[in-house]
Amino acid sequence: MSDSDNTPPLAPRHWPTWLGIGAMALLARLPWPLQRAVGRTFGALLRAALPRRRHIAARNIALCFPELDAAARDALLRHHFAAIGIGVFEFARAWWGSVAPLRRGLVVEGLEHVHAPRAAGRGVIVVSGHFTTLEVCGRLMCDHIPLAGMYRPHAQAAMEWAVRRGRARYAAAMFPKQDLRGAVRHLKRGGLLWYAPDQDPSRGDSVFVPFFGQPAHSLKSTHQLARMSGAAVVFFQHARRADGGYTLRLFPATAGYPTADAVADTAEVMAAIEAMVRAAPEQYLWIHRRFKRRPDGGSVY
């Protein structure tokens, strides 16, 4: 971050946001077992208080899991909001608290799949999806490899400052999504870039490719970053286990990526993320409008 980024915005219009940030920083210091219990309750409250997001999540689940009956879909929805509630406390810990209790029972697999391309002088694009465990598992993985990240800047200046400050505690660097040149330079120097390209973009070079059998508006950026930087692409699966621990898994570098076909490469990325979602479906961020754009111009929401 630059010196100007280190100066928090303190004008009165930012005070309500600072109150929220302060509350999250305090909650980050609660005992971890209590946070998990409170998080599940908080998730249930969110499910009741956010009918619009509940509808979006329910619609996404119905589209992506047509084989489930109504009871199974409702159970997945309830588990999803419980995961969101726990995820709020995980975010708080990642930014402002200690993750020492979360390191106990941590399983990390496949670090060699990152070390091998780097030993050959290549950078690595570490591709994941938007899961409720995204932030805390990113921090836990940074104990083992120096991950940088790409992110969407927050519209609220105080929150943007807090997020960047929190991530600076563990990330090697943070690149706003507009700073493609900086991300490519980082990769060309042999760096690691953590990237989640699975949300419907508001802008950028994109294409419709299948995701759970549905046409999903998706950025071509993984293909573009790999083509411009020569970096390898490694998929990163992270999940909260039933026993309360976490598993971080890196897969072998995708062979022959990128190809000359940006659409096929984008479809390959979405298929890999879909496989990770199927492994822990309640932890995926279903409240995002993943299918807000359709090829015919219609909407599913």
C-alpha atoms as a PDB file:
ATOM      1  CA  MET A   1       0.000   0.000   0.000  1.00  0.00           C
ATOM      2  CA  SER A   2       1.112   3.564  -0.642  1.00  0.00           C
ATOM      3  CA  ASP A   3       1.497   6.162   2.128  1.00  0.00           C
ATOM      4  CA  SER A   4      -1.869   7.658   1.210  1.00  0.00           C
ATOM      5  CA  ASP A   5      -3.461   4.251   1.573  1.00  0.00           C
ATOM      6  CA  ASN A   6      -2.075   4.031   5.130  1.00  0.00           C
ATOM      7  CA  THR A   7      -4.085   7.075   6.216  1.00  0.00           C
ATOM      8  CA  PRO A   8      -7.549   6.012   7.403  1.00  0.00           C
ATOM      9  CA  PRO A   9     -10.498   8.125   6.233  1.00  0.00           C
ATOM     10  CA  LEU A  10     -11.865   9.765   9.382  1.00  0.00           C
ATOM     11  CA  ALA A  11     -14.480  12.232   8.105  1.00  0.00           C
ATOM     12  CA  PRO A  12     -17.811  12.055  10.009  1.00  0.00           C
ATOM     13  CA  ARG A  13     -19.543  10.357   7.077  1.00  0.00           C
ATOM     14  CA  HIS A  14     -17.274   7.340   7.690  1.00  0.00           C
ATOM     15  CA  TRP A  15     -18.059   7.018  11.409  1.00  0.00           C
ATOM     16  CA  PRO A  16     -20.923   4.488  11.036  1.00  0.00           C
ATOM     17  CA  THR A  17     -18.609   2.228   9.035  1.00  0.00           C
ATOM     18  CA  TRP A  18     -15.897   2.577  11.673  1.00  0.00           C
ATOM     19  CA  LEU A  19     -18.379   1.517  14.363  1.00  0.00           C
ATOM     20  CA  GLY A  20     -19.053  -1.649  12.378  1.00  0.00           C
ATOM     21  CA  ILE A  21     -15.337  -2.265  11.841  1.00  0.00           C
ATOM     22  CA  GLY A  22     -14.706  -1.760  15.551  1.00  0.00           C
ATOM     23  CA  ALA A  23     -17.436  -4.241  16.439  1.00  0.00           C
ATOM     24  CA  MET A  24     -15.947  -6.822  14.062  1.00  0.00           C
ATOM     25  CA  ALA A  25     -12.471  -6.284  15.531  1.00  0.00           C
ATOM     26  CA  LEU A  26     -13.864  -6.942  19.017  1.00  0.00           C
ATOM     27  CA  LEU A  27     -15.801 -10.004  17.881  1.00  0.00           C
ATOM     28  CA  ALA A  28     -12.595 -11.327  16.307  1.00  0.00           C
ATOM     29  CA  ARG A  29     -11.208 -11.780  19.821  1.00  0.00           C
ATOM     30  CA  LEU A  30     -13.950 -14.039  21.160  1.00  0.00           C
ATOM     31  CA  PRO A  31     -12.954 -17.671  21.827  1.00  0.00           C
ATOM     32  CA  TRP A  32     -13.119 -19.689  18.614  1.00  0.00           C
ATOM     33  CA  PRO A  33     -15.628 -22.334  19.883  1.00  0.00           C
ATOM     34  CA  LEU A  34     -17.968 -19.515  20.931  1.00  0.00           C
ATOM     35  CA  GLN A  35     -17.568 -17.816  17.546  1.00  0.00           C
ATOM     36  CA  ARG A  36     -18.573 -21.004  15.739  1.00  0.00           C
ATOM     37  CA  ALA A  37     -21.677 -21.438  17.900  1.00  0.00           C
ATOM     38  CA  VAL A  38     -22.688 -17.786  17.626  1.00  0.00           C
ATOM     39  CA  GLY A  39     -21.919 -17.876  13.907  1.00  0.00           C
ATOM     40  CA  ARG A  40     -24.475 -20.607  13.255  1.00  0.00           C
ATOM     41  CA  THR A  41     -27.130 -18.611  15.117  1.00  0.00           C
ATOM     42  CA  PHE A  42     -26.122 -15.452  13.287  1.00  0.00           C
ATOM     43  CA  GLY A  43     -26.482 -17.308   9.999  1.00  0.00           C
ATOM     44  CA  ALA A  44     -30.028 -18.329  10.891  1.00  0.00           C
ATOM     45  CA  LEU A  45     -30.824 -14.696  11.705  1.00  0.00           C
ATOM     46  CA  LEU A  46     -29.401 -13.606   8.351  1.00  0.00           C
ATOM     47  CA  ARG A  47     -31.563 -16.174   6.584  1.00  0.00           C
ATOM     48  CA  ALA A  48     -34.643 -14.648   8.208  1.00  0.00           C
ATOM     49  CA  ALA A  49     -33.559 -11.013   7.847  1.00  0.00           C
ATOM     50  CA  LEU A  50     -32.407 -11.097   4.214  1.00  0.00           C
ATOM     51  CA  PRO A  51     -35.305 -12.436   2.145  1.00  0.00           C
ATOM     52  CA  ARG A  52     -33.837 -11.172  -1.129  1.00  0.00           C
ATOM     53  CA  ARG A  53     -30.530 -12.974  -0.577  1.00  0.00           C
ATOM     54  CA  ARG A  54     -32.389 -16.040   0.665  1.00  0.00           C
ATOM     55  CA  HIS A  55     -34.384 -16.072  -2.582  1.00  0.00           C
ATOM     56  CA  ILE A  56     -31.211 -15.737  -4.687  1.00  0.00           C
ATOM     57  CA  ALA A  57     -29.499 -18.572  -2.832  1.00  0.00           C
ATOM     58  CA  ALA A  58     -32.569 -20.808  -3.078  1.00  0.00           C
ATOM     59  CA  ARG A  59     -32.864 -20.115  -6.806  1.00  0.00           C
ATOM     60  CA  ASN A  60     -29.177 -20.865  -7.394  1.00  0.00           C
ATOM     61  CA  ILE A  61     -29.435 -24.129  -5.473  1.00  0.00           C
ATOM     62  CA  ALA A  62     -32.539 -25.159  -7.430  1.00  0.00           C
ATOM     63  CA  LEU A  63     -30.789 -24.437 -10.737  1.00  0.00           C
ATOM     64  CA  CYS A  64     -27.564 -26.199  -9.812  1.00  0.00           C
ATOM     65  CA  PHE A  65     -29.009 -29.218  -7.991  1.00  0.00           C
ATOM     66  CA  PRO A  66     -32.213 -30.159  -9.856  1.00  0.00           C
ATOM     67  CA  GLU A  67     -31.790 -33.730  -8.620  1.00  0.00           C
ATOM     68  CA  LEU A  68     -32.491 -32.650  -5.009  1.00  0.00           C
ATOM     69  CA  ASP A  69     -36.045 -32.639  -3.714  1.00  0.00           C
ATOM     70  CA  ALA A  70     -37.515 -29.624  -1.902  1.00  0.00           C
ATOM     71  CA  ALA A  71     -36.544 -30.873   1.557  1.00  0.00           C
ATOM     72  CA  ALA A  72     -32.933 -31.480   0.541  1.00  0.00           C
ATOM     73  CA  ARG A  73     -32.684 -28.067  -1.113  1.00  0.00           C
ATOM     74  CA  ASP A  74     -34.093 -26.390   1.996  1.00  0.00           C
ATOM     75  CA  ALA A  75     -31.582 -28.251   4.178  1.00  0.00           C
ATOM     76  CA  LEU A  76     -28.734 -27.111   1.929  1.00  0.00           C
ATOM     77  CA  LEU A  77     -30.026 -23.547   2.153  1.00  0.00           C
ATOM     78  CA  ARG A  78     -30.071 -23.679   5.959  1.00  0.00           C
ATOM     79  CA  HIS A  79     -26.563 -25.159   6.078  1.00  0.00           C
ATOM     80  CA  HIS A  80     -25.416 -22.469   3.672  1.00  0.00           C
ATOM     81  CA  PHE A  81     -26.551 -19.631   5.909  1.00  0.00           C
ATOM     82  CA  ALA A  82     -24.952 -21.331   8.904  1.00  0.00           C
ATOM     83  CA  ALA A  83     -21.711 -21.424   6.886  1.00  0.00           C
ATOM     84  CA  ILE A  84     -22.095 -17.713   6.107  1.00  0.00           C
ATOM     85  CA  GLY A  85     -22.556 -16.934   9.796  1.00  0.00           C
ATOM     86  CA  ILE A  86     -19.392 -18.831  10.734  1.00  0.00           C
ATOM     87  CA  GLY A  87     -17.648 -17.226   7.757  1.00  0.00           C
ATOM     88  CA  VAL A  88     -18.293 -13.752   9.174  1.00  0.00           C
ATOM     89  CA  PHE A  89     -16.252 -14.649  12.245  1.00  0.00           C
ATOM     90  CA  GLU A  90     -13.600 -16.291  10.069  1.00  0.00           C
ATOM     91  CA  PHE A  91     -13.259 -13.065   8.095  1.00  0.00           C
ATOM     92  CA  ALA A  92     -12.927 -11.108  11.350  1.00  0.00           C
ATOM     93  CA  ARG A  93     -10.203 -13.426  12.624  1.00  0.00           C
ATOM     94  CA  ALA A  94      -8.327 -13.331   9.333  1.00  0.00           C
ATOM     95  CA  TRP A  95      -8.195  -9.541   9.356  1.00  0.00           C
ATOM     96  CA  TRP A  96      -8.045  -8.568  13.034  1.00  0.00           C
ATOM     97  CA  GLY A  97      -7.640 -11.656  15.196  1.00  0.00           C
ATOM     98  CA  SER A  98      -5.460 -14.684  15.768  1.00  0.00           C
ATOM     99  CA  VAL A  99      -5.774 -17.784  13.594  1.00  0.00           C
ATOM    100  CA  ALA A 100      -3.670 -19.894  15.974  1.00  0.00           C
ATOM    101  CA  PRO A 101      -6.694 -21.987  17.093  1.00  0.00           C
ATOM    102  CA  LEU A 102      -7.543 -22.642  13.430  1.00  0.00           C
ATOM    103  CA  ARG A 103      -4.073 -23.992  12.691  1.00  0.00           C
ATOM    104  CA  ARG A 104      -4.741 -26.959  14.957  1.00  0.00           C
ATOM    105  CA  GLY A 105      -5.938 -29.836  12.821  1.00  0.00           C
ATOM    106  CA  LEU A 106      -5.089 -28.012   9.603  1.00  0.00           C
ATOM    107  CA  VAL A 107      -4.450 -30.295   6.606  1.00  0.00           C
ATOM    108  CA  VAL A 108      -2.408 -28.883   3.711  1.00  0.00           C
ATOM    109  CA  GLU A 109      -1.939 -30.972   0.572  1.00  0.00           C
ATOM    110  CA  GLY A 110      -0.205 -30.429  -2.747  1.00  0.00           C
ATOM    111  CA  LEU A 111       2.313 -27.665  -1.991  1.00  0.00           C
ATOM    112  CA  GLU A 112       4.662 -29.389  -4.423  1.00  0.00           C
ATOM    113  CA  HIS A 113       2.325 -28.391  -7.266  1.00  0.00           C
ATOM    114  CA  VAL A 114       3.218 -24.756  -6.597  1.00  0.00           C
ATOM    115  CA  HIS A 115       6.898 -25.318  -5.885  1.00  0.00           C
ATOM    116  CA  ALA A 116       7.564 -27.183  -9.154  1.00  0.00           C
ATOM    117  CA  PRO A 117       6.569 -24.357 -11.571  1.00  0.00           C
ATOM    118  CA  ARG A 118       8.372 -21.792  -9.418  1.00  0.00           C
ATOM    119  CA  ALA A 119      11.523 -23.904  -9.471  1.00  0.00           C
ATOM    120  CA  ALA A 120      11.276 -23.727 -13.265  1.00  0.00           C
ATOM    121  CA  GLY A 121      11.086 -19.922 -13.102  1.00  0.00           C
ATOM    122  CA  ARG A 122       7.345 -19.579 -13.663  1.00  0.00           C
ATOM    123  CA  GLY A 123       4.747 -17.707 -11.662  1.00  0.00           C
ATOM    124  CA  VAL A 124       1.579 -19.475 -10.535  1.00  0.00           C
ATOM    125  CA  ILE A 125      -2.051 -18.379 -10.750  1.00  0.00           C
ATOM    126  CA  VAL A 126      -3.742 -20.048  -7.775  1.00  0.00           C
ATOM    127  CA  VAL A 127      -7.407 -20.320  -8.786  1.00  0.00           C
ATOM    128  CA  SER A 128     -10.218 -20.763  -6.276  1.00  0.00           C
ATOM    129  CA  GLY A 129     -13.886 -19.837  -5.976  1.00  0.00           C
ATOM    130  CA  HIS A 130     -15.924 -17.605  -3.706  1.00  0.00           C
ATOM    131  CA  PHE A 131     -16.487 -19.817  -0.685  1.00  0.00           C
ATOM    132  CA  THR A 132     -17.401 -18.661   2.811  1.00  0.00           C
ATOM    133  CA  THR A 133     -13.961 -19.922   3.918  1.00  0.00           C
ATOM    134  CA  LEU A 134     -12.128 -17.797   1.332  1.00  0.00           C
ATOM    135  CA  GLU A 135     -10.534 -15.244   3.630  1.00  0.00           C
ATOM    136  CA  VAL A 136      -9.469 -17.409   6.542  1.00  0.00           C
ATOM    137  CA  CYS A 137      -8.163 -20.195   4.318  1.00  0.00           C
ATOM    138  CA  GLY A 138      -6.217 -17.650   2.303  1.00  0.00           C
ATOM    139  CA  ARG A 139      -4.561 -16.493   5.497  1.00  0.00           C
ATOM    140  CA  LEU A 140      -3.840 -20.067   6.569  1.00  0.00           C
ATOM    141  CA  MET A 141      -2.303 -20.875   3.185  1.00  0.00           C
ATOM    142  CA  CYS A 142      -0.079 -17.790   3.467  1.00  0.00           C
ATOM    143  CA  ASP A 143       1.679 -19.599   6.332  1.00  0.00           C
ATOM    144  CA  HIS A 144       3.038 -21.955   3.661  1.00  0.00           C
ATOM    145  CA  ILE A 145       3.374 -19.971   0.420  1.00  0.00           C
ATOM    146  CA  PRO A 146       3.605 -16.203  -0.304  1.00  0.00           C
ATOM    147  CA  LEU A 147       0.237 -15.565  -1.924  1.00  0.00           C
ATOM    148  CA  ALA A 148      -0.649 -12.230  -3.467  1.00  0.00           C
ATOM    149  CA  GLY A 149      -4.262 -11.540  -4.392  1.00  0.00           C
ATOM    150  CA  MET A 150      -6.525  -9.707  -6.806  1.00  0.00           C
ATOM    151  CA  TYR A 151      -9.598  -8.052  -5.372  1.00  0.00           C
ATOM    152  CA  ARG A 152     -12.495  -5.735  -6.122  1.00  0.00           C
ATOM    153  CA  PRO A 153     -11.997  -2.382  -4.309  1.00  0.00           C
ATOM    154  CA  HIS A 154     -14.722  -1.546  -1.804  1.00  0.00           C
ATOM    155  CA  ALA A 155     -16.898   1.476  -2.594  1.00  0.00           C
ATOM    156  CA  GLN A 156     -16.853   2.620   1.054  1.00  0.00           C
ATOM    157  CA  ALA A 157     -13.478   4.238   1.771  1.00  0.00           C
ATOM    158  CA  ALA A 158     -13.238   3.201   5.439  1.00  0.00           C
ATOM    159  CA  MET A 159     -14.035  -0.416   4.609  1.00  0.00           C
ATOM    160  CA  GLU A 160     -11.540  -0.369   1.735  1.00  0.00           C
ATOM    161  CA  TRP A 161      -8.850   0.873   4.124  1.00  0.00           C
ATOM    162  CA  ALA A 162      -9.730  -1.783   6.712  1.00  0.00           C
ATOM    163  CA  VAL A 163      -9.807  -4.628   4.187  1.00  0.00           C
ATOM    164  CA  ARG A 164      -6.471  -3.701   2.665  1.00  0.00           C
ATOM    165  CA  ARG A 165      -4.947  -3.182   6.101  1.00  0.00           C
ATOM    166  CA  GLY A 166      -6.252  -6.556   7.263  1.00  0.00           C
ATOM    167  CA  ARG A 167      -5.015  -8.429   4.213  1.00  0.00           C
ATOM    168  CA  ALA A 168      -1.628  -6.726   4.407  1.00  0.00           C
ATOM    169  CA  ARG A 169      -1.075  -8.764   7.582  1.00  0.00           C
ATOM    170  CA  TYR A 170      -0.600 -11.918   5.552  1.00  0.00           C
ATOM    171  CA  ALA A 171      -0.810 -11.394   1.757  1.00  0.00           C
ATOM    172  CA  ALA A 172       2.402 -10.825  -0.193  1.00  0.00           C
ATOM    173  CA  ALA A 173       0.656  -8.061  -2.187  1.00  0.00           C
ATOM    174  CA  MET A 174      -2.845  -6.976  -3.172  1.00  0.00           C
ATOM    175  CA  PHE A 175      -3.746  -5.899  -6.724  1.00  0.00           C
ATOM    176  CA  PRO A 176      -7.038  -4.129  -7.494  1.00  0.00           C
ATOM    177  CA  LYS A 177      -8.788  -5.899 -10.350  1.00  0.00           C
ATOM    178  CA  GLN A 178      -8.034  -2.903 -12.589  1.00  0.00           C
ATOM    179  CA  ASP A 179      -4.277  -3.334 -12.061  1.00  0.00           C
ATOM    180  CA  LEU A 180      -3.785  -6.110 -14.594  1.00  0.00           C
ATOM    181  CA  ARG A 181      -0.329  -4.827 -15.479  1.00  0.00           C
ATOM    182  CA  GLY A 182       0.846  -5.049 -11.865  1.00  0.00           C
ATOM    183  CA  ALA A 183      -0.527  -8.592 -11.505  1.00  0.00           C
ATOM    184  CA  VAL A 184       1.207  -9.715 -14.705  1.00  0.00           C
ATOM    185  CA  ARG A 185       4.524  -8.217 -13.557  1.00  0.00           C
ATOM    186  CA  HIS A 186       4.179 -10.081 -10.263  1.00  0.00           C
ATOM    187  CA  LEU A 187       3.613 -13.365 -12.100  1.00  0.00           C
ATOM    188  CA  LYS A 188       6.478 -12.800 -14.518  1.00  0.00           C
ATOM    189  CA  ARG A 189       8.779 -12.407 -11.512  1.00  0.00           C
ATOM    190  CA  GLY A 190       7.776 -15.862 -10.332  1.00  0.00           C
ATOM    191  CA  GLY A 191       5.125 -14.707  -7.870  1.00  0.00           C
ATOM    192  CA  LEU A 192       1.951 -16.441  -6.776  1.00  0.00           C
ATOM    193  CA  LEU A 193      -1.392 -14.785  -7.503  1.00  0.00           C
ATOM    194  CA  TRP A 194      -4.560 -16.010  -5.800  1.00  0.00           C
ATOM    195  CA  TYR A 195      -7.562 -15.388  -8.018  1.00  0.00           C
ATOM    196  CA  ALA A 196     -11.287 -16.232  -7.848  1.00  0.00           C
ATOM    197  CA  PRO A 197     -12.899 -15.672 -11.300  1.00  0.00           C
ATOM    198  CA  ASP A 198     -16.253 -17.337 -10.635  1.00  0.00           C
ATOM    199  CA  GLN A 199     -18.604 -14.378 -10.129  1.00  0.00           C
ATOM    200  CA  ASP A 200     -20.706 -12.689 -12.825  1.00  0.00           C
ATOM    201  CA  PRO A 201     -18.607  -9.674 -13.804  1.00  0.00           C
ATOM    202  CA  SER A 202     -19.991  -6.179 -14.181  1.00  0.00           C
ATOM    203  CA  ARG A 203     -17.390  -5.458 -16.841  1.00  0.00           C
ATOM    204  CA  GLY A 204     -14.433  -7.080 -18.561  1.00  0.00           C
ATOM    205  CA  ASP A 205     -13.879  -9.558 -21.360  1.00  0.00           C
ATOM    206  CA  SER A 206     -16.332 -12.376 -20.657  1.00  0.00           C
ATOM    207  CA  VAL A 207     -18.188 -15.266 -22.225  1.00  0.00           C
ATOM    208  CA  PHE A 208     -21.006 -17.676 -21.374  1.00  0.00           C
ATOM    209  CA  VAL A 209     -19.732 -21.129 -20.363  1.00  0.00           C
ATOM    210  CA  PRO A 210     -21.410 -23.995 -18.476  1.00  0.00           C
ATOM    211  CA  PHE A 211     -21.521 -23.963 -14.676  1.00  0.00           C
ATOM    212  CA  PHE A 212     -23.646 -26.720 -13.144  1.00  0.00           C
ATOM    213  CA  GLY A 213     -25.229 -27.131 -16.581  1.00  0.00           C
ATOM    214  CA  GLN A 214     -26.299 -23.480 -16.691  1.00  0.00           C
ATOM    215  CA  PRO A 215     -24.889 -20.781 -18.998  1.00  0.00           C
ATOM    216  CA  ALA A 216     -22.774 -18.635 -16.670  1.00  0.00           C
ATOM    217  CA  HIS A 217     -21.376 -15.239 -17.648  1.00  0.00           C
ATOM    218  CA  SER A 218     -17.671 -15.643 -16.838  1.00  0.00           C
ATOM    219  CA  LEU A 219     -14.473 -13.647 -17.167  1.00  0.00           C
ATOM    220  CA  LYS A 220     -11.780 -14.883 -19.539  1.00  0.00           C
ATOM    221  CA  SER A 221      -9.173 -13.392 -17.233  1.00  0.00           C
ATOM    222  CA  THR A 222      -7.519 -16.634 -16.080  1.00  0.00           C
ATOM    223  CA  HIS A 223      -6.745 -17.421 -19.723  1.00  0.00           C
ATOM    224  CA  GLN A 224      -5.553 -13.839 -20.295  1.00  0.00           C
ATOM    225  CA  LEU A 225      -3.344 -13.710 -17.195  1.00  0.00           C
ATOM    226  CA  ALA A 226      -1.736 -17.048 -18.070  1.00  0.00           C
ATOM    227  CA  ARG A 227      -1.191 -16.030 -21.691  1.00  0.00           C
ATOM    228  CA  MET A 228       0.381 -12.664 -20.824  1.00  0.00           C
ATOM    229  CA  SER A 229       2.559 -13.910 -17.961  1.00  0.00           C
ATOM    230  CA  GLY A 230       3.473 -17.475 -18.885  1.00  0.00           C
ATOM    231  CA  ALA A 231       2.308 -18.559 -15.429  1.00  0.00           C
ATOM    232  CA  ALA A 232       1.076 -22.022 -14.519  1.00  0.00           C
ATOM    233  CA  VAL A 233      -2.527 -22.459 -13.318  1.00  0.00           C
ATOM    234  CA  VAL A 234      -3.079 -24.432 -10.101  1.00  0.00           C
ATOM    235  CA  PHE A 235      -6.509 -24.929  -8.542  1.00  0.00           C
ATOM    236  CA  PHE A 236      -6.925 -24.338  -4.806  1.00  0.00           C
ATOM    237  CA  GLN A 237      -9.693 -26.109  -2.896  1.00  0.00           C
ATOM    238  CA  HIS A 238     -10.348 -25.014   0.677  1.00  0.00           C
ATOM    239  CA  ALA A 239     -13.035 -26.263   3.020  1.00  0.00           C
ATOM    240  CA  ARG A 240     -14.185 -26.272   6.613  1.00  0.00           C
ATOM    241  CA  ARG A 241     -14.453 -29.873   7.782  1.00  0.00           C
ATOM    242  CA  ALA A 242     -17.196 -31.350   9.963  1.00  0.00           C
ATOM    243  CA  ASP A 243     -14.691 -31.796  12.815  1.00  0.00           C
ATOM    244  CA  GLY A 244     -14.034 -28.038  12.842  1.00  0.00           C
ATOM    245  CA  GLY A 245     -10.678 -28.227  11.070  1.00  0.00           C
ATOM    246  CA  TYR A 246      -9.735 -26.999   7.612  1.00  0.00           C
ATOM    247  CA  THR A 247      -8.351 -28.709   4.539  1.00  0.00           C
ATOM    248  CA  LEU A 248      -6.323 -26.772   1.964  1.00  0.00           C
ATOM    249  CA  ARG A 249      -5.625 -28.682  -1.236  1.00  0.00           C
ATOM    250  CA  LEU A 250      -3.596 -27.618  -4.285  1.00  0.00           C
ATOM    251  CA  PHE A 251      -4.005 -29.634  -7.481  1.00  0.00           C
ATOM    252  CA  PRO A 252      -1.397 -30.348 -10.172  1.00  0.00           C
ATOM    253  CA  ALA A 253      -0.846 -27.536 -12.654  1.00  0.00           C
ATOM    254  CA  THR A 254      -3.357 -27.673 -15.502  1.00  0.00           C
ATOM    255  CA  ALA A 255      -1.542 -29.239 -18.449  1.00  0.00           C
ATOM    256  CA  GLY A 256      -1.371 -27.244 -21.668  1.00  0.00           C
ATOM    257  CA  TYR A 257      -2.981 -24.141 -20.180  1.00  0.00           C
ATOM    258  CA  PRO A 258      -3.573 -21.701 -21.751  1.00  0.00           C
ATOM    259  CA  THR A 259      -4.570 -22.917 -25.184  1.00  0.00           C
ATOM    260  CA  ALA A 260      -5.446 -20.709 -28.152  1.00  0.00           C
ATOM    261  CA  ASP A 261      -9.151 -21.055 -27.260  1.00  0.00           C
ATOM    262  CA  ALA A 262     -10.145 -18.589 -24.535  1.00  0.00           C
ATOM    263  CA  VAL A 263     -13.702 -19.937 -24.362  1.00  0.00           C
ATOM    264  CA  ALA A 264     -12.564 -23.526 -23.836  1.00  0.00           C
ATOM    265  CA  ASP A 265     -10.026 -22.395 -21.225  1.00  0.00           C
ATOM    266  CA  THR A 266     -12.706 -20.432 -19.356  1.00  0.00           C
ATOM    267  CA  ALA A 267     -15.023 -23.444 -19.448  1.00  0.00           C
ATOM    268  CA  GLU A 268     -12.218 -25.576 -17.998  1.00  0.00           C
ATOM    269  CA  VAL A 269     -11.785 -23.137 -15.112  1.00  0.00           C
ATOM    270  CA  MET A 270     -15.513 -23.112 -14.349  1.00  0.00           C
ATOM    271  CA  ALA A 271     -15.656 -26.928 -14.483  1.00  0.00           C
ATOM    272  CA  ALA A 272     -12.831 -27.143 -11.939  1.00  0.00           C
ATOM    273  CA  ILE A 273     -14.552 -24.674  -9.622  1.00  0.00           C
ATOM    274  CA  GLU A 274     -17.816 -26.600  -9.992  1.00  0.00           C
ATOM    275  CA  ALA A 275     -16.026 -29.762  -8.835  1.00  0.00           C
ATOM    276  CA  MET A 276     -14.778 -27.904  -5.755  1.00  0.00           C
ATOM    277  CA  VAL A 277     -18.295 -26.628  -5.026  1.00  0.00           C
ATOM    278  CA  ARG A 278     -19.720 -30.143  -5.225  1.00  0.00           C
ATOM    279  CA  ALA A 279     -17.209 -31.244  -2.576  1.00  0.00           C
ATOM    280  CA  ALA A 280     -18.572 -28.693  -0.044  1.00  0.00           C
ATOM    281  CA  PRO A 281     -21.784 -27.233  -1.512  1.00  0.00           C
ATOM    282  CA  GLU A 282     -23.016 -25.506   1.642  1.00  0.00           C
ATOM    283  CA  GLN A 283     -19.825 -23.425   1.784  1.00  0.00           C
ATOM    284  CA  TYR A 284     -20.144 -21.857  -1.680  1.00  0.00           C
ATOM    285  CA  LEU A 285     -21.423 -18.272  -1.849  1.00  0.00           C
ATOM    286  CA  TRP A 286     -24.887 -19.002  -3.239  1.00  0.00           C
ATOM    287  CA  ILE A 287     -26.196 -15.565  -2.237  1.00  0.00           C
ATOM    288  CA  HIS A 288     -24.324 -14.085  -5.213  1.00  0.00           C
ATOM    289  CA  ARG A 289     -26.399 -13.666  -8.398  1.00  0.00           C
ATOM    290  CA  ARG A 290     -24.236 -16.030 -10.419  1.00  0.00           C
ATOM    291  CA  PHE A 291     -26.763 -16.275 -13.261  1.00  0.00           C
ATOM    292  CA  LYS A 292     -27.964 -12.670 -13.368  1.00  0.00           C
ATOM    293  CA  ARG A 293     -27.114 -12.521 -17.089  1.00  0.00           C
ATOM    294  CA  ARG A 294     -28.520 -15.018 -19.546  1.00  0.00           C
ATOM    295  CA  PRO A 295     -27.682 -15.426 -23.244  1.00  0.00           C
ATOM    296  CA  ASP A 296     -31.238 -14.445 -24.160  1.00  0.00           C
ATOM    297  CA  GLY A 297     -31.060 -11.287 -22.025  1.00  0.00           C
ATOM    298  CA  GLY A 298     -33.516 -12.634 -19.446  1.00  0.00           C
ATOM    299  CA  SER A 299     -33.057 -13.211 -15.721  1.00  0.00           C
ATOM    300  CA  VAL A 300     -33.587 -16.173 -13.407  1.00  0.00           C
ATOM    301  CA  TYR A 301     -34.111 -13.991 -10.325  1.00  0.00           C
END
